Amino acid sequence: MQEQKHIVVAITGATGIIYAQRLLEVCQQLPEIHTHLIISPAGQLTLKQESEISLQELKGLADQVHNYQDIGNKLSSGSVKTHGMVVVPCSIKTLSSIAHSYDADLITRCADVHLKERRPIILCVRETPLHLGHLRLMTQVAEYGAQIMPLVPAFYHQPQTIDDIVNQSVARLCDQLGIVYPTNIFTPWQGLKPNKV
């Protein structure tokens, strides 16, 4: 039997909840992936503003849901084996907390654990334009070992819908986490089309 990969999905108060939702939906199709969801109060507020699904429906997409304020949760210890964490979307507040090891909640504590244990952690920072303080924070966490992955849409696959744009970014997240996503989600780059050159 294949070992399950435990992936932490953290949602903070930046725009882009749909990316986290789609990542959870994709992982739900994969029995080898076990997801742990943490959503901040600001993330819950954003969910109400930009999504048609309820908080309960979102939580239902995860294998386990953890309380944002439960700093004593098992995910706050490096002795609990996880295979990666993605903060999607990642607010500047959360980025700043992670950069300064300000572990005041389960998301930032769990991120700190991933950094100190040298496990994959991806921060999908959502802000534009970026001032020098934002860039320095991103440099700081990158130096610690985090991966910065802004949710930048691509167009080489000629997306026809918002779902096409979202799926491309989620497929790239899966790539970084070592998750083999279903082929109907996204087709990787196949090279230049001869009839377009």
C-alpha atoms as a PDB file:
ATOM      1  CA  MET A   1       0.000   0.000   0.000  1.00  0.00           C
ATOM      2  CA  GLN A   2       1.311   3.437  -0.954  1.00  0.00           C
ATOM      3  CA  GLU A   3       2.296   5.732   1.910  1.00  0.00           C
ATOM      4  CA  GLN A   4       0.008   8.724   2.291  1.00  0.00           C
ATOM      5  CA  LYS A   5       1.448  12.176   1.794  1.00  0.00           C
ATOM      6  CA  HIS A   6       0.292  14.636   4.427  1.00  0.00           C
ATOM      7  CA  ILE A   7      -0.078  18.130   2.960  1.00  0.00           C
ATOM      8  CA  VAL A   8      -0.994  21.207   4.986  1.00  0.00           C
ATOM      9  CA  VAL A   9      -3.175  23.745   3.154  1.00  0.00           C
ATOM     10  CA  ALA A  10      -3.376  27.100   4.930  1.00  0.00           C
ATOM     11  CA  ILE A  11      -5.754  29.858   3.834  1.00  0.00           C
ATOM     12  CA  THR A  12      -5.195  33.454   4.919  1.00  0.00           C
ATOM     13  CA  GLY A  13      -7.008  36.726   4.283  1.00  0.00           C
ATOM     14  CA  ALA A  14      -5.775  37.614   0.801  1.00  0.00           C
ATOM     15  CA  THR A  15      -7.876  37.300  -2.332  1.00  0.00           C
ATOM     16  CA  GLY A  16      -7.697  33.998  -4.213  1.00  0.00           C
ATOM     17  CA  ILE A  17      -9.625  31.463  -2.121  1.00  0.00           C
ATOM     18  CA  ILE A  18     -10.521  29.638  -5.355  1.00  0.00           C
ATOM     19  CA  TYR A  19      -6.917  28.386  -5.651  1.00  0.00           C
ATOM     20  CA  ALA A  20      -7.062  26.710  -2.240  1.00  0.00           C
ATOM     21  CA  GLN A  21     -10.507  25.304  -2.988  1.00  0.00           C
ATOM     22  CA  ARG A  22      -9.342  23.809  -6.289  1.00  0.00           C
ATOM     23  CA  LEU A  23      -6.188  22.366  -4.704  1.00  0.00           C
ATOM     24  CA  LEU A  24      -8.311  20.649  -2.057  1.00  0.00           C
ATOM     25  CA  GLU A  25     -10.702  19.375  -4.749  1.00  0.00           C
ATOM     26  CA  VAL A  26      -7.808  17.900  -6.716  1.00  0.00           C
ATOM     27  CA  CYS A  27      -6.275  16.281  -3.626  1.00  0.00           C
ATOM     28  CA  GLN A  28      -9.663  14.836  -2.680  1.00  0.00           C
ATOM     29  CA  GLN A  29      -9.488  12.755  -5.876  1.00  0.00           C
ATOM     30  CA  LEU A  30      -6.138  11.271  -4.848  1.00  0.00           C
ATOM     31  CA  PRO A  31      -6.318   8.610  -2.102  1.00  0.00           C
ATOM     32  CA  GLU A  32      -2.562   8.885  -1.505  1.00  0.00           C
ATOM     33  CA  ILE A  33      -2.908  12.535  -0.405  1.00  0.00           C
ATOM     34  CA  HIS A  34      -4.153  13.438   3.088  1.00  0.00           C
ATOM     35  CA  THR A  35      -4.913  17.144   3.483  1.00  0.00           C
ATOM     36  CA  HIS A  36      -4.822  19.227   6.665  1.00  0.00           C
ATOM     37  CA  LEU A  37      -6.723  22.518   6.385  1.00  0.00           C
ATOM     38  CA  ILE A  38      -6.140  25.622   8.497  1.00  0.00           C
ATOM     39  CA  ILE A  39      -8.082  28.792   7.705  1.00  0.00           C
ATOM     40  CA  SER A  40      -7.578  32.108   9.456  1.00  0.00           C
ATOM     41  CA  PRO A  41     -10.458  34.379  10.553  1.00  0.00           C
ATOM     42  CA  ALA A  42      -9.499  36.794   7.757  1.00  0.00           C
ATOM     43  CA  GLY A  43      -9.535  33.855   5.343  1.00  0.00           C
ATOM     44  CA  GLN A  44     -13.064  33.007   6.467  1.00  0.00           C
ATOM     45  CA  LEU A  45     -14.110  36.604   5.864  1.00  0.00           C
ATOM     46  CA  THR A  46     -12.602  36.541   2.377  1.00  0.00           C
ATOM     47  CA  LEU A  47     -14.385  33.261   1.662  1.00  0.00           C
ATOM     48  CA  LYS A  48     -17.737  34.950   2.314  1.00  0.00           C
ATOM     49  CA  GLN A  49     -16.842  37.835   0.016  1.00  0.00           C
ATOM     50  CA  GLU A  50     -15.585  35.962  -3.041  1.00  0.00           C
ATOM     51  CA  SER A  51     -16.906  32.405  -3.012  1.00  0.00           C
ATOM     52  CA  GLU A  52     -20.250  30.710  -3.473  1.00  0.00           C
ATOM     53  CA  ILE A  53     -19.347  27.823  -1.171  1.00  0.00           C
ATOM     54  CA  SER A  54     -19.840  27.880   2.576  1.00  0.00           C
ATOM     55  CA  LEU A  55     -17.162  27.436   5.210  1.00  0.00           C
ATOM     56  CA  GLN A  56     -18.564  23.992   6.002  1.00  0.00           C
ATOM     57  CA  GLU A  57     -18.400  22.990   2.340  1.00  0.00           C
ATOM     58  CA  LEU A  58     -14.802  24.165   2.135  1.00  0.00           C
ATOM     59  CA  LYS A  59     -13.898  22.255   5.281  1.00  0.00           C
ATOM     60  CA  GLY A  60     -15.580  19.193   3.797  1.00  0.00           C
ATOM     61  CA  LEU A  61     -12.972  19.133   1.022  1.00  0.00           C
ATOM     62  CA  ALA A  62     -10.160  18.450   3.527  1.00  0.00           C
ATOM     63  CA  ASP A  63      -9.345  15.204   5.304  1.00  0.00           C
ATOM     64  CA  GLN A  64      -8.690  17.054   8.564  1.00  0.00           C
ATOM     65  CA  VAL A  65      -9.462  20.599   9.708  1.00  0.00           C
ATOM     66  CA  HIS A  66      -7.422  22.287  12.427  1.00  0.00           C
ATOM     67  CA  ASN A  67      -8.295  25.283  14.576  1.00  0.00           C
ATOM     68  CA  TYR A  68      -6.303  28.379  13.613  1.00  0.00           C
ATOM     69  CA  GLN A  69      -5.905  29.366  17.271  1.00  0.00           C
ATOM     70  CA  ASP A  70      -4.878  25.903  18.510  1.00  0.00           C
ATOM     71  CA  ILE A  71      -1.182  26.617  18.968  1.00  0.00           C
ATOM     72  CA  GLY A  72      -0.805  23.286  20.814  1.00  0.00           C
ATOM     73  CA  ASN A  73      -2.105  21.316  17.821  1.00  0.00           C
ATOM     74  CA  LYS A  74      -0.081  18.315  16.634  1.00  0.00           C
ATOM     75  CA  LEU A  75       0.965  20.257  13.517  1.00  0.00           C
ATOM     76  CA  SER A  76       2.898  22.647  15.770  1.00  0.00           C
ATOM     77  CA  SER A  77       5.514  19.950  16.412  1.00  0.00           C
ATOM     78  CA  GLY A  78       8.311  18.856  14.120  1.00  0.00           C
ATOM     79  CA  SER A  79       7.881  15.309  15.420  1.00  0.00           C
ATOM     80  CA  VAL A  80       4.693  15.001  13.335  1.00  0.00           C
ATOM     81  CA  LYS A  81       5.693  14.040   9.801  1.00  0.00           C
ATOM     82  CA  THR A  82       4.238  16.118   6.994  1.00  0.00           C
ATOM     83  CA  HIS A  83       5.327  16.205   3.360  1.00  0.00           C
ATOM     84  CA  GLY A  84       4.762  19.870   2.626  1.00  0.00           C
ATOM     85  CA  MET A  85       2.749  22.989   3.284  1.00  0.00           C
ATOM     86  CA  VAL A  86       1.208  25.579   1.010  1.00  0.00           C
ATOM     87  CA  VAL A  87      -0.162  28.928   2.172  1.00  0.00           C
ATOM     88  CA  VAL A  88      -2.660  29.792  -0.526  1.00  0.00           C
ATOM     89  CA  PRO A  89      -3.392  32.616  -0.714  1.00  0.00           C
ATOM     90  CA  CYS A  90      -0.707  34.122   1.512  1.00  0.00           C
ATOM     91  CA  SER A  91      -1.407  37.596   2.867  1.00  0.00           C
ATOM     92  CA  ILE A  92       1.398  40.067   3.501  1.00  0.00           C
ATOM     93  CA  LYS A  93       0.573  39.875   7.220  1.00  0.00           C
ATOM     94  CA  THR A  94       1.169  36.121   7.182  1.00  0.00           C
ATOM     95  CA  LEU A  95       4.317  36.532   5.090  1.00  0.00           C
ATOM     96  CA  SER A  96       5.633  39.049   7.631  1.00  0.00           C
ATOM     97  CA  SER A  97       4.823  36.757  10.573  1.00  0.00           C
ATOM     98  CA  ILE A  98       6.613  33.812   8.936  1.00  0.00           C
ATOM     99  CA  ALA A  99       9.623  35.971   8.022  1.00  0.00           C
ATOM    100  CA  HIS A 100       9.978  37.066  11.646  1.00  0.00           C
ATOM    101  CA  SER A 101       9.140  33.685  13.258  1.00  0.00           C
ATOM    102  CA  TYR A 102       6.186  35.344  14.969  1.00  0.00           C
ATOM    103  CA  ASP A 103       4.325  32.128  15.742  1.00  0.00           C
ATOM    104  CA  ALA A 104       1.134  33.588  17.189  1.00  0.00           C
ATOM    105  CA  ASP A 105      -1.254  31.116  15.507  1.00  0.00           C
ATOM    106  CA  LEU A 106      -1.244  27.621  14.032  1.00  0.00           C
ATOM    107  CA  ILE A 107      -0.574  28.747  10.440  1.00  0.00           C
ATOM    108  CA  THR A 108       2.592  30.655  11.300  1.00  0.00           C
ATOM    109  CA  ARG A 109       3.742  28.030  13.803  1.00  0.00           C
ATOM    110  CA  CYS A 110       3.203  25.250  11.274  1.00  0.00           C
ATOM    111  CA  ALA A 111       5.103  27.279   8.662  1.00  0.00           C
ATOM    112  CA  ASP A 112       7.960  27.738  11.135  1.00  0.00           C
ATOM    113  CA  VAL A 113       8.025  23.976  11.723  1.00  0.00           C
ATOM    114  CA  HIS A 114       8.307  23.338   7.980  1.00  0.00           C
ATOM    115  CA  LEU A 115      11.188  25.775   7.745  1.00  0.00           C
ATOM    116  CA  LYS A 116      13.113  24.388  10.702  1.00  0.00           C
ATOM    117  CA  GLU A 117      12.534  20.773   9.613  1.00  0.00           C
ATOM    118  CA  ARG A 118      13.590  21.631   6.034  1.00  0.00           C
ATOM    119  CA  ARG A 119      10.297  20.481   4.566  1.00  0.00           C
ATOM    120  CA  PRO A 120       8.737  22.001   1.443  1.00  0.00           C
ATOM    121  CA  ILE A 121       6.736  25.159   2.099  1.00  0.00           C
ATOM    122  CA  ILE A 122       5.183  27.280  -0.621  1.00  0.00           C
ATOM    123  CA  LEU A 123       3.888  30.798  -0.024  1.00  0.00           C
ATOM    124  CA  CYS A 124       1.438  31.998  -2.680  1.00  0.00           C
ATOM    125  CA  VAL A 125       1.856  35.684  -1.920  1.00  0.00           C
ATOM    126  CA  ARG A 126      -1.073  37.782  -3.137  1.00  0.00           C
ATOM    127  CA  GLU A 127      -0.327  41.479  -3.398  1.00  0.00           C
ATOM    128  CA  THR A 128       0.375  43.988  -6.153  1.00  0.00           C
ATOM    129  CA  PRO A 129       2.171  46.232  -6.639  1.00  0.00           C
ATOM    130  CA  LEU A 130       4.951  45.177  -4.315  1.00  0.00           C
ATOM    131  CA  HIS A 131       6.959  47.728  -2.350  1.00  0.00           C
ATOM    132  CA  LEU A 132      10.491  47.168  -1.128  1.00  0.00           C
ATOM    133  CA  GLY A 133       9.321  45.922   2.283  1.00  0.00           C
ATOM    134  CA  HIS A 134       7.283  43.149   0.636  1.00  0.00           C
ATOM    135  CA  LEU A 135      10.222  42.153  -1.558  1.00  0.00           C
ATOM    136  CA  ARG A 136      12.593  42.071   1.414  1.00  0.00           C
ATOM    137  CA  LEU A 137      10.194  39.840   3.355  1.00  0.00           C
ATOM    138  CA  MET A 138      10.021  37.446   0.407  1.00  0.00           C
ATOM    139  CA  THR A 139      13.809  37.422   0.124  1.00  0.00           C
ATOM    140  CA  GLN A 140      14.050  36.711   3.847  1.00  0.00           C
ATOM    141  CA  VAL A 141      11.751  33.668   3.807  1.00  0.00           C
ATOM    142  CA  ALA A 142      13.387  32.412   0.594  1.00  0.00           C
ATOM    143  CA  GLU A 143      16.735  32.523   2.392  1.00  0.00           C
ATOM    144  CA  TYR A 144      15.167  30.409   5.161  1.00  0.00           C
ATOM    145  CA  GLY A 145      14.087  27.790   2.621  1.00  0.00           C
ATOM    146  CA  ALA A 146      10.530  28.760   1.668  1.00  0.00           C
ATOM    147  CA  GLN A 147       9.431  28.856  -1.944  1.00  0.00           C
ATOM    148  CA  ILE A 148       7.657  31.992  -3.129  1.00  0.00           C
ATOM    149  CA  MET A 149       5.029  31.241  -5.760  1.00  0.00           C
ATOM    150  CA  PRO A 150       2.802  34.198  -6.628  1.00  0.00           C
ATOM    151  CA  LEU A 151      -0.434  33.238  -8.335  1.00  0.00           C
ATOM    152  CA  VAL A 152       0.468  34.597 -11.761  1.00  0.00           C
ATOM    153  CA  PRO A 153      -1.825  33.458 -14.595  1.00  0.00           C
ATOM    154  CA  ALA A 154      -0.293  31.932 -17.716  1.00  0.00           C
ATOM    155  CA  PHE A 155      -1.767  32.113 -21.203  1.00  0.00           C
ATOM    156  CA  TYR A 156       0.356  29.722 -23.284  1.00  0.00           C
ATOM    157  CA  HIS A 157      -2.342  27.077 -22.853  1.00  0.00           C
ATOM    158  CA  GLN A 158      -4.945  29.482 -24.259  1.00  0.00           C
ATOM    159  CA  PRO A 159      -7.361  29.429 -21.303  1.00  0.00           C
ATOM    160  CA  GLN A 160     -11.024  29.837 -22.182  1.00  0.00           C
ATOM    161  CA  THR A 161     -12.442  30.118 -18.668  1.00  0.00           C
ATOM    162  CA  ILE A 162     -11.446  31.256 -15.185  1.00  0.00           C
ATOM    163  CA  ASP A 163     -11.271  27.563 -14.260  1.00  0.00           C
ATOM    164  CA  ASP A 164      -8.604  27.051 -16.941  1.00  0.00           C
ATOM    165  CA  ILE A 165      -6.510  29.822 -15.374  1.00  0.00           C
ATOM    166  CA  VAL A 166      -7.000  28.500 -11.836  1.00  0.00           C
ATOM    167  CA  ASN A 167      -6.233  24.908 -12.863  1.00  0.00           C
ATOM    168  CA  GLN A 168      -2.918  25.896 -14.441  1.00  0.00           C
ATOM    169  CA  SER A 169      -1.698  27.473 -11.196  1.00  0.00           C
ATOM    170  CA  VAL A 170      -2.984  24.560  -9.107  1.00  0.00           C
ATOM    171  CA  ALA A 171      -1.222  22.087 -11.403  1.00  0.00           C
ATOM    172  CA  ARG A 172       2.029  23.994 -10.865  1.00  0.00           C
ATOM    173  CA  LEU A 173       1.443  23.877  -7.089  1.00  0.00           C
ATOM    174  CA  CYS A 174       0.969  20.117  -7.332  1.00  0.00           C
ATOM    175  CA  ASP A 175       4.227  19.850  -9.276  1.00  0.00           C
ATOM    176  CA  GLN A 176       6.101  21.652  -6.491  1.00  0.00           C
ATOM    177  CA  LEU A 177       4.528  19.412  -3.827  1.00  0.00           C
ATOM    178  CA  GLY A 178       5.270  16.215  -5.739  1.00  0.00           C
ATOM    179  CA  ILE A 179       1.579  15.517  -6.323  1.00  0.00           C
ATOM    180  CA  VAL A 180       0.644  13.787  -9.561  1.00  0.00           C
ATOM    181  CA  TYR A 181      -2.554  15.557 -10.568  1.00  0.00           C
ATOM    182  CA  PRO A 182      -5.295  14.092 -12.795  1.00  0.00           C
ATOM    183  CA  THR A 183      -4.606  14.638 -16.507  1.00  0.00           C
ATOM    184  CA  ASN A 184      -7.943  16.390 -17.007  1.00  0.00           C
ATOM    185  CA  ILE A 185      -6.808  19.276 -14.799  1.00  0.00           C
ATOM    186  CA  PHE A 186      -4.092  20.665 -17.032  1.00  0.00           C
ATOM    187  CA  THR A 187      -1.848  19.682 -19.935  1.00  0.00           C
ATOM    188  CA  PRO A 188       1.809  20.638 -19.403  1.00  0.00           C
ATOM    189  CA  TRP A 189       3.647  22.715 -21.990  1.00  0.00           C
ATOM    190  CA  GLN A 190       4.110  20.697 -25.189  1.00  0.00           C
ATOM    191  CA  GLY A 191       6.456  23.076 -26.954  1.00  0.00           C
ATOM    192  CA  LEU A 192       5.796  25.651 -29.648  1.00  0.00           C
ATOM    193  CA  LYS A 193       3.075  24.761 -32.128  1.00  0.00           C
ATOM    194  CA  PRO A 194       4.628  24.438 -35.580  1.00  0.00           C
ATOM    195  CA  ASN A 195       1.684  26.191 -37.248  1.00  0.00           C
ATOM    196  CA  LYS A 196       2.140  29.201 -34.922  1.00  0.00           C
ATOM    197  CA  VAL A 197       5.867  29.707 -35.609  1.00  0.00           C
END
